[in-house]
């Protein structure tokens, strides 16, 4: 059982490394790509950082740091929620969708 767990962990690390290397020319990390993928779905579009973090299993501060970066390069936008002034909603931008499409092509998912 332990050997199987080690093999699985080794395979996971190898796959993550391969994906990271493939995404690096696009200035994407696996986490940034996951955030863009999540925001490109109807389930998460217009979500708050807390919603996004929960959906992806990230800590809120980690999700906030990723969103800060993605907003800084105009791949996502932030706006106030019309129903709750305390909430900020996050949406993928056209530029973010273009970058995500490039990532999908690189990863052979398109």
N, C-alpha and C. Protein backbone atom coordinates (compact mmCIF):
# COMPACT_ATOMS: atom_id res chain seq x y z
N UNK A 1 0.82 -1.19 0.00
CA UNK A 1 0.00 0.00 0.00
C UNK A 1 0.87 1.26 0.00
N UNK A 2 1.90 1.28 0.83
CA UNK A 2 2.79 2.44 0.91
C UNK A 2 3.51 2.66 -0.42
N UNK A 3 3.93 1.56 -1.05
CA UNK A 3 4.62 1.67 -2.34
C UNK A 3 3.68 2.28 -3.39
N UNK A 4 2.44 1.87 -3.38
CA UNK A 4 1.45 2.42 -4.31
C UNK A 4 1.27 3.93 -4.08
N UNK A 5 1.21 4.34 -2.83
CA UNK A 5 1.06 5.76 -2.50
C UNK A 5 2.27 6.54 -2.99
N UNK A 6 3.45 5.99 -2.81
CA UNK A 6 4.67 6.67 -3.29
C UNK A 6 4.67 6.78 -4.81
N UNK A 7 4.25 5.71 -5.49
CA UNK A 7 4.18 5.74 -6.95
C UNK A 7 3.19 6.80 -7.43
N UNK A 8 2.06 6.88 -6.77
CA UNK A 8 1.05 7.89 -7.12
C UNK A 8 1.60 9.30 -6.90
N UNK A 9 2.26 9.51 -5.77
CA UNK A 9 2.84 10.82 -5.46
C UNK A 9 3.90 11.19 -6.49
N UNK A 10 4.73 10.24 -6.86
CA UNK A 10 5.78 10.48 -7.85
C UNK A 10 5.17 10.83 -9.21
N UNK A 11 4.14 10.11 -9.61
CA UNK A 11 3.47 10.38 -10.88
C UNK A 11 2.81 11.76 -10.87
N UNK A 12 2.20 12.11 -9.73
CA UNK A 12 1.56 13.43 -9.60
C UNK A 12 2.60 14.54 -9.74
N UNK A 13 3.73 14.40 -9.06
CA UNK A 13 4.78 15.42 -9.13
C UNK A 13 5.33 15.54 -10.55
N UNK A 14 5.50 14.41 -11.23
CA UNK A 14 6.01 14.44 -12.60
C UNK A 14 5.01 15.14 -13.53
N UNK A 15 3.74 14.84 -13.37
CA UNK A 15 2.72 15.49 -14.20
C UNK A 15 2.66 16.98 -13.92
N UNK A 16 2.71 17.36 -12.64
CA UNK A 16 2.66 18.78 -12.29
C UNK A 16 3.87 19.52 -12.84
N UNK A 17 5.03 18.90 -12.80
CA UNK A 17 6.24 19.51 -13.34
C UNK A 17 6.13 19.69 -14.85
N UNK A 18 5.60 18.70 -15.54
CA UNK A 18 5.43 18.79 -16.99
C UNK A 18 4.46 19.91 -17.36
N UNK A 19 3.36 20.02 -16.62
CA UNK A 19 2.37 21.08 -16.88
C UNK A 19 2.99 22.44 -16.59
N UNK A 20 3.71 22.55 -15.50
CA UNK A 20 4.36 23.83 -15.15
C UNK A 20 5.32 24.27 -16.25
N UNK A 21 6.12 23.34 -16.75
CA UNK A 21 7.07 23.67 -17.81
C UNK A 21 6.35 24.10 -19.09
N UNK A 22 5.25 23.43 -19.39
CA UNK A 22 4.49 23.77 -20.61
C UNK A 22 3.86 25.16 -20.50
N UNK A 23 3.42 25.53 -19.30
CA UNK A 23 2.74 26.81 -19.10
C UNK A 23 3.69 27.99 -18.93
N UNK A 24 4.93 27.74 -18.57
CA UNK A 24 5.84 28.83 -18.23
C UNK A 24 6.06 29.84 -19.36
N UNK A 25 6.07 29.48 -20.64
CA UNK A 25 6.22 30.51 -21.67
C UNK A 25 5.07 31.51 -21.70
N UNK A 26 3.92 31.13 -21.12
CA UNK A 26 2.76 32.00 -21.10
C UNK A 26 2.66 32.80 -19.80
N UNK A 27 3.68 32.71 -18.96
CA UNK A 27 3.67 33.37 -17.65
C UNK A 27 2.51 32.86 -16.80
N UNK A 28 2.17 31.58 -16.98
CA UNK A 28 1.12 30.95 -16.18
C UNK A 28 1.73 29.90 -15.27
N UNK A 29 1.21 29.83 -14.07
CA UNK A 29 1.51 28.73 -13.17
C UNK A 29 0.31 27.80 -13.21
N UNK A 30 0.45 26.63 -12.63
CA UNK A 30 -0.69 25.72 -12.60
C UNK A 30 -1.85 26.34 -11.83
N UNK A 31 -1.57 27.05 -10.74
CA UNK A 31 -2.64 27.67 -9.95
C UNK A 31 -3.31 28.79 -10.74
N UNK A 32 -2.55 29.63 -11.40
CA UNK A 32 -3.14 30.69 -12.21
C UNK A 32 -4.03 30.11 -13.31
N UNK A 33 -3.56 29.03 -13.93
CA UNK A 33 -4.33 28.38 -14.98
C UNK A 33 -5.62 27.79 -14.41
N UNK A 34 -5.54 27.17 -13.24
CA UNK A 34 -6.75 26.62 -12.60
C UNK A 34 -7.76 27.71 -12.29
N UNK A 35 -7.28 28.85 -11.83
CA UNK A 35 -8.18 29.97 -11.53
C UNK A 35 -8.87 30.45 -12.81
N UNK A 36 -8.10 30.61 -13.88
CA UNK A 36 -8.70 31.02 -15.15
C UNK A 36 -9.70 29.98 -15.64
N UNK A 37 -9.35 28.71 -15.53
CA UNK A 37 -10.28 27.64 -15.94
C UNK A 37 -11.57 27.72 -15.13
N UNK A 38 -11.44 27.90 -13.83
CA UNK A 38 -12.63 27.98 -12.96
C UNK A 38 -13.49 29.17 -13.35
N UNK A 39 -12.87 30.32 -13.57
CA UNK A 39 -13.63 31.52 -13.92
C UNK A 39 -14.25 31.44 -15.30
N UNK A 40 -13.76 30.52 -16.13
CA UNK A 40 -14.30 30.35 -17.46
C UNK A 40 -15.52 29.42 -17.47
N UNK A 41 -15.90 28.90 -16.31
CA UNK A 41 -17.07 28.03 -16.23
C UNK A 41 -18.26 28.82 -15.72
N UNK A 42 -19.43 28.35 -16.01
CA UNK A 42 -20.65 29.00 -15.52
C UNK A 42 -20.81 28.84 -14.02
N UNK A 43 -20.19 27.82 -13.45
CA UNK A 43 -20.32 27.57 -12.01
C UNK A 43 -19.68 28.65 -11.16
N UNK A 44 -18.61 29.25 -11.67
CA UNK A 44 -17.82 30.16 -10.86
C UNK A 44 -17.82 31.59 -11.40
N UNK A 45 -18.30 31.83 -12.59
CA UNK A 45 -18.29 33.17 -13.17
C UNK A 45 -18.96 34.16 -12.23
N UNK A 46 -18.28 35.26 -11.98
CA UNK A 46 -18.83 36.28 -11.09
C UNK A 46 -18.74 35.91 -9.63
N UNK A 47 -17.82 35.05 -9.28
CA UNK A 47 -17.68 34.60 -7.90
C UNK A 47 -16.83 35.58 -7.10
N UNK A 48 -16.94 35.48 -5.80
CA UNK A 48 -16.05 36.23 -4.92
C UNK A 48 -14.75 35.45 -4.76
N UNK A 49 -13.76 36.10 -4.18
CA UNK A 49 -12.49 35.40 -3.92
C UNK A 49 -12.74 34.23 -2.97
N UNK A 50 -13.58 34.42 -1.97
CA UNK A 50 -13.88 33.33 -1.03
C UNK A 50 -14.55 32.16 -1.74
N UNK A 51 -15.49 32.46 -2.64
CA UNK A 51 -16.17 31.40 -3.40
C UNK A 51 -15.16 30.65 -4.27
N UNK A 52 -14.32 31.40 -4.94
CA UNK A 52 -13.32 30.81 -5.82
C UNK A 52 -12.35 29.94 -5.03
N UNK A 53 -11.90 30.46 -3.90
CA UNK A 53 -10.98 29.70 -3.05
C UNK A 53 -11.62 28.39 -2.60
N UNK A 54 -12.86 28.44 -2.17
CA UNK A 54 -13.55 27.24 -1.73
C UNK A 54 -13.72 26.25 -2.88
N UNK A 55 -14.07 26.75 -4.04
CA UNK A 55 -14.27 25.89 -5.21
C UNK A 55 -12.99 25.15 -5.57
N UNK A 56 -11.84 25.83 -5.48
CA UNK A 56 -10.56 25.25 -5.88
C UNK A 56 -9.79 24.61 -4.73
N UNK A 57 -10.29 24.76 -3.51
CA UNK A 57 -9.59 24.20 -2.37
C UNK A 57 -8.33 24.97 -2.00
N UNK A 58 -8.36 26.27 -2.25
CA UNK A 58 -7.23 27.14 -1.92
C UNK A 58 -7.54 27.92 -0.65
N UNK A 59 -6.51 28.38 0.02
CA UNK A 59 -6.69 29.29 1.14
C UNK A 59 -7.07 30.65 0.55
N UNK A 60 -7.91 31.40 1.24
CA UNK A 60 -8.37 32.70 0.72
C UNK A 60 -7.22 33.64 0.41
N UNK A 61 -6.20 33.67 1.26
CA UNK A 61 -5.08 34.58 1.00
C UNK A 61 -4.30 34.17 -0.25
N UNK A 62 -4.19 32.86 -0.48
CA UNK A 62 -3.52 32.39 -1.70
C UNK A 62 -4.33 32.76 -2.93
N UNK A 63 -5.64 32.56 -2.85
CA UNK A 63 -6.52 32.93 -3.97
C UNK A 63 -6.45 34.43 -4.23
N UNK A 64 -6.43 35.22 -3.17
CA UNK A 64 -6.36 36.68 -3.31
C UNK A 64 -5.06 37.09 -4.00
N UNK A 65 -3.96 36.45 -3.65
CA UNK A 65 -2.67 36.78 -4.29
C UNK A 65 -2.69 36.43 -5.77
N UNK A 66 -3.28 35.31 -6.12
CA UNK A 66 -3.37 34.92 -7.53
C UNK A 66 -4.26 35.91 -8.28
N UNK A 67 -5.39 36.27 -7.69
CA UNK A 67 -6.30 37.23 -8.32
C UNK A 67 -5.62 38.58 -8.49
N UNK A 68 -4.85 39.01 -7.49
CA UNK A 68 -4.11 40.28 -7.60
C UNK A 68 -3.20 40.25 -8.83
N UNK A 69 -2.47 39.15 -8.99
CA UNK A 69 -1.57 39.03 -10.14
C UNK A 69 -2.37 39.03 -11.45
N UNK A 70 -3.41 38.21 -11.52
CA UNK A 70 -4.19 38.09 -12.75
C UNK A 70 -4.87 39.42 -13.10
N UNK A 71 -5.32 40.16 -12.10
CA UNK A 71 -5.92 41.47 -12.35
C UNK A 71 -4.86 42.46 -12.83
N UNK A 72 -3.65 42.34 -12.30
CA UNK A 72 -2.56 43.22 -12.70
C UNK A 72 -2.16 43.07 -14.16
N UNK A 73 -2.37 41.90 -14.73
CA UNK A 73 -2.06 41.68 -16.14
C UNK A 73 -3.32 41.65 -17.00
N UNK A 74 -4.43 42.09 -16.41
CA UNK A 74 -5.72 42.23 -17.10
C UNK A 74 -6.31 40.90 -17.59
N UNK A 75 -6.02 39.81 -16.88
CA UNK A 75 -6.60 38.51 -17.26
C UNK A 75 -7.90 38.28 -16.51
N UNK A 76 -8.12 39.01 -15.41
CA UNK A 76 -9.39 38.99 -14.69
C UNK A 76 -9.75 40.42 -14.32
N UNK A 77 -11.03 40.64 -14.05
CA UNK A 77 -11.47 41.95 -13.58
C UNK A 77 -12.20 41.77 -12.26
N UNK A 78 -12.17 42.82 -11.47
CA UNK A 78 -12.90 42.83 -10.19
C UNK A 78 -13.94 43.93 -10.26
N UNK A 79 -15.11 43.63 -9.70
CA UNK A 79 -16.14 44.67 -9.64
C UNK A 79 -16.99 44.44 -8.40
N UNK A 80 -17.64 45.52 -7.98
CA UNK A 80 -18.53 45.41 -6.83
C UNK A 80 -19.75 44.59 -7.17
N UNK A 81 -20.25 43.89 -6.18
CA UNK A 81 -21.46 43.08 -6.34
C UNK A 81 -22.67 43.98 -6.17
N UNK A 82 -23.59 43.94 -7.12
CA UNK A 82 -24.77 44.80 -7.08
C UNK A 82 -25.67 44.49 -5.89
N UNK A 83 -25.64 43.24 -5.41
CA UNK A 83 -26.52 42.85 -4.30
C UNK A 83 -25.87 43.01 -2.94
N UNK A 84 -24.53 43.03 -2.89
CA UNK A 84 -23.82 43.10 -1.62
C UNK A 84 -22.59 43.98 -1.79
N UNK A 85 -22.65 45.19 -1.27
CA UNK A 85 -21.57 46.17 -1.45
C UNK A 85 -20.24 45.71 -0.83
N UNK A 86 -20.29 44.76 0.10
CA UNK A 86 -19.06 44.27 0.73
C UNK A 86 -18.34 43.24 -0.12
N UNK A 87 -19.01 42.73 -1.12
CA UNK A 87 -18.48 41.62 -1.92
C UNK A 87 -17.92 42.13 -3.25
N UNK A 88 -16.79 41.59 -3.65
CA UNK A 88 -16.19 41.88 -4.94
C UNK A 88 -16.29 40.62 -5.79
N UNK A 89 -16.76 40.78 -7.01
CA UNK A 89 -16.86 39.63 -7.90
C UNK A 89 -15.70 39.64 -8.90
N UNK A 90 -15.28 38.45 -9.26
CA UNK A 90 -14.15 38.27 -10.15
C UNK A 90 -14.66 37.65 -11.44
N UNK A 91 -14.21 38.18 -12.57
CA UNK A 91 -14.59 37.64 -13.88
C UNK A 91 -13.34 37.55 -14.77
N UNK A 92 -13.32 36.55 -15.60
CA UNK A 92 -12.24 36.43 -16.57
C UNK A 92 -12.48 37.47 -17.68
N UNK A 93 -11.41 38.07 -18.17
CA UNK A 93 -11.51 39.07 -19.25
C UNK A 93 -11.28 38.38 -20.59
N UNK A 94 -11.49 39.12 -21.66
CA UNK A 94 -11.19 38.60 -22.99
C UNK A 94 -9.72 38.24 -23.14
N UNK A 95 -8.86 39.07 -22.57
CA UNK A 95 -7.41 38.79 -22.59
C UNK A 95 -7.12 37.50 -21.82
N UNK A 96 -7.79 37.32 -20.69
CA UNK A 96 -7.63 36.10 -19.90
C UNK A 96 -8.11 34.87 -20.65
N UNK A 97 -9.22 35.01 -21.37
CA UNK A 97 -9.74 33.89 -22.18
C UNK A 97 -8.75 33.53 -23.30
N UNK A 98 -8.16 34.57 -23.90
CA UNK A 98 -7.16 34.32 -24.95
C UNK A 98 -5.96 33.56 -24.37
N UNK A 99 -5.49 33.98 -23.20
CA UNK A 99 -4.35 33.31 -22.57
C UNK A 99 -4.71 31.88 -22.20
N UNK A 100 -5.92 31.67 -21.71
CA UNK A 100 -6.39 30.33 -21.36
C UNK A 100 -6.47 29.45 -22.61
N UNK A 101 -6.93 30.01 -23.72
CA UNK A 101 -6.98 29.25 -24.98
C UNK A 101 -5.57 28.83 -25.42
N UNK A 102 -4.60 29.74 -25.26
CA UNK A 102 -3.20 29.40 -25.57
C UNK A 102 -2.72 28.27 -24.67
N UNK A 103 -3.05 28.33 -23.39
CA UNK A 103 -2.65 27.29 -22.45
C UNK A 103 -3.28 25.95 -22.83
N UNK A 104 -4.53 25.99 -23.18
CA UNK A 104 -5.21 24.74 -23.59
C UNK A 104 -4.54 24.14 -24.82
N UNK A 105 -4.18 25.00 -25.78
CA UNK A 105 -3.48 24.50 -26.98
C UNK A 105 -2.14 23.87 -26.59
N UNK A 106 -1.40 24.56 -25.74
CA UNK A 106 -0.11 24.01 -25.30
C UNK A 106 -0.25 22.68 -24.59
N UNK A 107 -1.31 22.56 -23.82
CA UNK A 107 -1.51 21.33 -23.05
C UNK A 107 -2.29 20.27 -23.84
N UNK A 108 -2.67 20.62 -25.07
CA UNK A 108 -3.36 19.65 -25.91
C UNK A 108 -4.80 19.42 -25.53
N UNK A 109 -5.45 20.42 -24.88
CA UNK A 109 -6.82 20.27 -24.43
C UNK A 109 -7.81 20.94 -25.36
N UNK A 110 -7.35 21.76 -26.27
CA UNK A 110 -8.28 22.55 -27.10
C UNK A 110 -8.99 21.67 -28.11
